[in-house]
Amino acid sequence: MVTALLVSAGAVVSVAALGGCGTPTAGTPVTVVREIVPPSTTTAVVAPPPTSVVVVEPPVTVTRVPVAPGLTSCQRLFAEGYSFTYAFNAWVNAGRPLSWDADRDGYPCEQSYGNRN
């Protein structure tokens, strides 16, 4: 609750002009008006927080093809669906073993992936 105090302008001027209490006009009546102001009934509008979207990717399912035992590395890579580029990089990472390059021309797995030179 807010309370406002209103004082008549004439009383304020006379007190201010004459120096306040103890002056010859010190007994001048002062009009005091008291008004009760009701509390504010306005409400603040608050915007809702921004929504966020979360996308969840489904898990990747890897299907392994059963590979017969006794296959060479090149045959196994080819049977599992790997590209020639992957097989070439695997050959380099394995230290360029001669067993992967039958004709020794620098291109591995030619029996599985075909002639690349």
Protein backbone atom coordinates (compact mmCIF):
# COMPACT_ATOMS: atom_id res chain seq x y z
CA MET A 1 0.00 0.00 0.00
CA VAL A 2 1.36 3.43 -0.94
CA THR A 3 0.59 6.48 1.19
CA ALA A 4 0.95 9.99 -0.22
CA LEU A 5 1.28 13.10 1.95
CA LEU A 6 0.10 16.36 0.43
CA VAL A 7 0.84 19.71 2.14
CA SER A 8 -0.73 22.99 1.05
CA ALA A 9 1.59 25.16 -0.99
CA GLY A 10 0.94 28.27 1.11
CA ALA A 11 2.14 26.64 4.32
CA VAL A 12 5.30 25.37 2.71
CA VAL A 13 6.11 28.79 1.24
CA SER A 14 5.52 30.59 4.54
CA VAL A 15 7.68 28.12 6.48
CA ALA A 16 10.43 28.26 3.87
CA ALA A 17 10.33 32.07 3.60
CA LEU A 18 10.38 32.74 7.30
CA GLY A 19 12.97 30.18 8.27
CA GLY A 20 10.82 27.47 9.80
CA CYS A 21 9.90 27.00 13.47
CA GLY A 22 10.35 29.73 16.06
CA THR A 23 9.19 32.50 13.75
CA PRO A 24 6.22 34.81 14.37
CA THR A 25 4.09 32.74 12.00
CA ALA A 26 5.04 29.44 13.65
CA GLY A 27 1.46 28.79 14.74
CA THR A 28 0.01 28.99 11.22
CA PRO A 29 -2.17 25.96 10.59
CA VAL A 30 -0.92 23.52 7.99
CA THR A 31 -3.36 21.56 5.87
CA VAL A 32 -2.41 17.90 5.50
CA VAL A 33 -4.21 15.68 3.06
CA ARG A 34 -3.66 11.98 3.28
CA GLU A 35 -4.58 9.85 0.28
CA ILE A 36 -4.32 6.07 0.13
CA VAL A 37 -3.30 4.88 -3.29
CA PRO A 38 -4.18 1.26 -4.10
CA PRO A 39 -1.34 -0.94 -5.28
CA SER A 40 -0.80 -1.20 -8.98
CA THR A 41 -2.92 -3.82 -10.68
CA THR A 42 -0.88 -3.94 -13.86
CA THR A 43 0.86 -7.20 -14.62
CA ALA A 44 4.09 -7.63 -16.47
CA VAL A 45 3.99 -9.73 -19.61
CA VAL A 46 6.94 -12.07 -19.80
CA ALA A 47 7.78 -13.77 -23.07
CA PRO A 48 8.23 -17.52 -22.90
CA PRO A 49 11.80 -18.78 -23.14
CA PRO A 50 12.95 -19.64 -26.67
CA THR A 51 12.39 -23.22 -27.62
CA SER A 52 15.30 -25.38 -28.62
CA VAL A 53 15.21 -28.32 -30.95
CA VAL A 54 17.27 -31.39 -30.25
CA VAL A 55 17.72 -33.84 -33.10
CA VAL A 56 18.71 -37.33 -32.11
CA GLU A 57 20.21 -39.44 -34.87
CA PRO A 58 19.20 -43.08 -34.89
CA PRO A 59 22.03 -45.48 -34.08
CA VAL A 60 23.97 -46.84 -37.02
CA THR A 61 23.56 -50.55 -37.53
CA VAL A 62 26.57 -52.33 -38.92
CA THR A 63 25.91 -55.63 -40.62
CA ARG A 64 28.92 -57.90 -40.87
CA VAL A 65 29.03 -60.35 -43.72
CA PRO A 66 30.35 -63.68 -42.54
CA VAL A 67 33.69 -64.24 -44.25
CA ALA A 68 35.02 -67.69 -45.00
CA PRO A 69 38.27 -68.53 -43.23
CA GLY A 70 41.41 -68.72 -45.32
CA LEU A 71 40.82 -65.57 -47.38
CA THR A 72 43.69 -63.22 -48.07
CA SER A 73 43.58 -59.69 -46.68
CA CYS A 74 42.55 -58.33 -50.09
CA GLN A 75 39.78 -60.91 -50.50
CA ARG A 76 38.49 -60.20 -47.00
CA LEU A 77 38.43 -56.41 -47.59
CA PHE A 78 36.64 -56.91 -50.91
CA ALA A 79 34.12 -59.34 -49.38
CA GLU A 80 33.32 -56.90 -46.56
CA GLY A 81 32.56 -54.14 -49.10
CA TYR A 82 35.56 -51.86 -48.61
CA SER A 83 36.63 -49.67 -51.56
CA PHE A 84 39.94 -49.99 -53.40
CA THR A 85 41.02 -46.67 -51.86
CA TYR A 86 40.47 -48.11 -48.40
CA ALA A 87 42.34 -51.30 -49.33
CA PHE A 88 45.23 -49.27 -50.77
CA ASN A 89 45.49 -47.15 -47.60
CA ALA A 90 45.33 -50.30 -45.46
CA TRP A 91 48.16 -51.78 -47.56
CA VAL A 92 50.28 -48.62 -47.04
CA ASN A 93 49.51 -48.57 -43.28
CA ALA A 94 50.49 -52.24 -43.04
CA GLY A 95 53.94 -51.44 -44.47
CA ARG A 96 53.23 -52.43 -48.12
CA PRO A 97 53.46 -56.19 -47.59
CA LEU A 98 54.43 -58.11 -50.73
CA SER A 99 51.65 -60.64 -50.14
CA TRP A 100 49.08 -57.98 -51.11
CA ASP A 101 50.80 -57.06 -54.41
CA ALA A 102 51.23 -60.30 -56.36
CA ASP A 103 52.82 -58.80 -59.51
CA ARG A 104 54.96 -56.24 -57.54
CA ASP A 105 53.77 -53.24 -59.56
CA GLY A 106 52.81 -51.03 -56.57
CA TYR A 107 49.06 -51.68 -56.77
CA PRO A 108 47.75 -54.10 -54.12
CA CYS A 109 44.70 -56.35 -54.33
CA GLU A 110 44.49 -56.46 -58.15
CA GLN A 111 43.15 -60.02 -58.03
CA SER A 112 40.16 -58.80 -55.95
CA TYR A 113 39.57 -55.25 -57.23
CA GLY A 114 40.92 -55.56 -60.77
CA ASN A 115 43.95 -54.08 -62.50
CA ARG A 116 44.51 -50.46 -61.30
CA ASN A 117 47.60 -49.47 -63.31
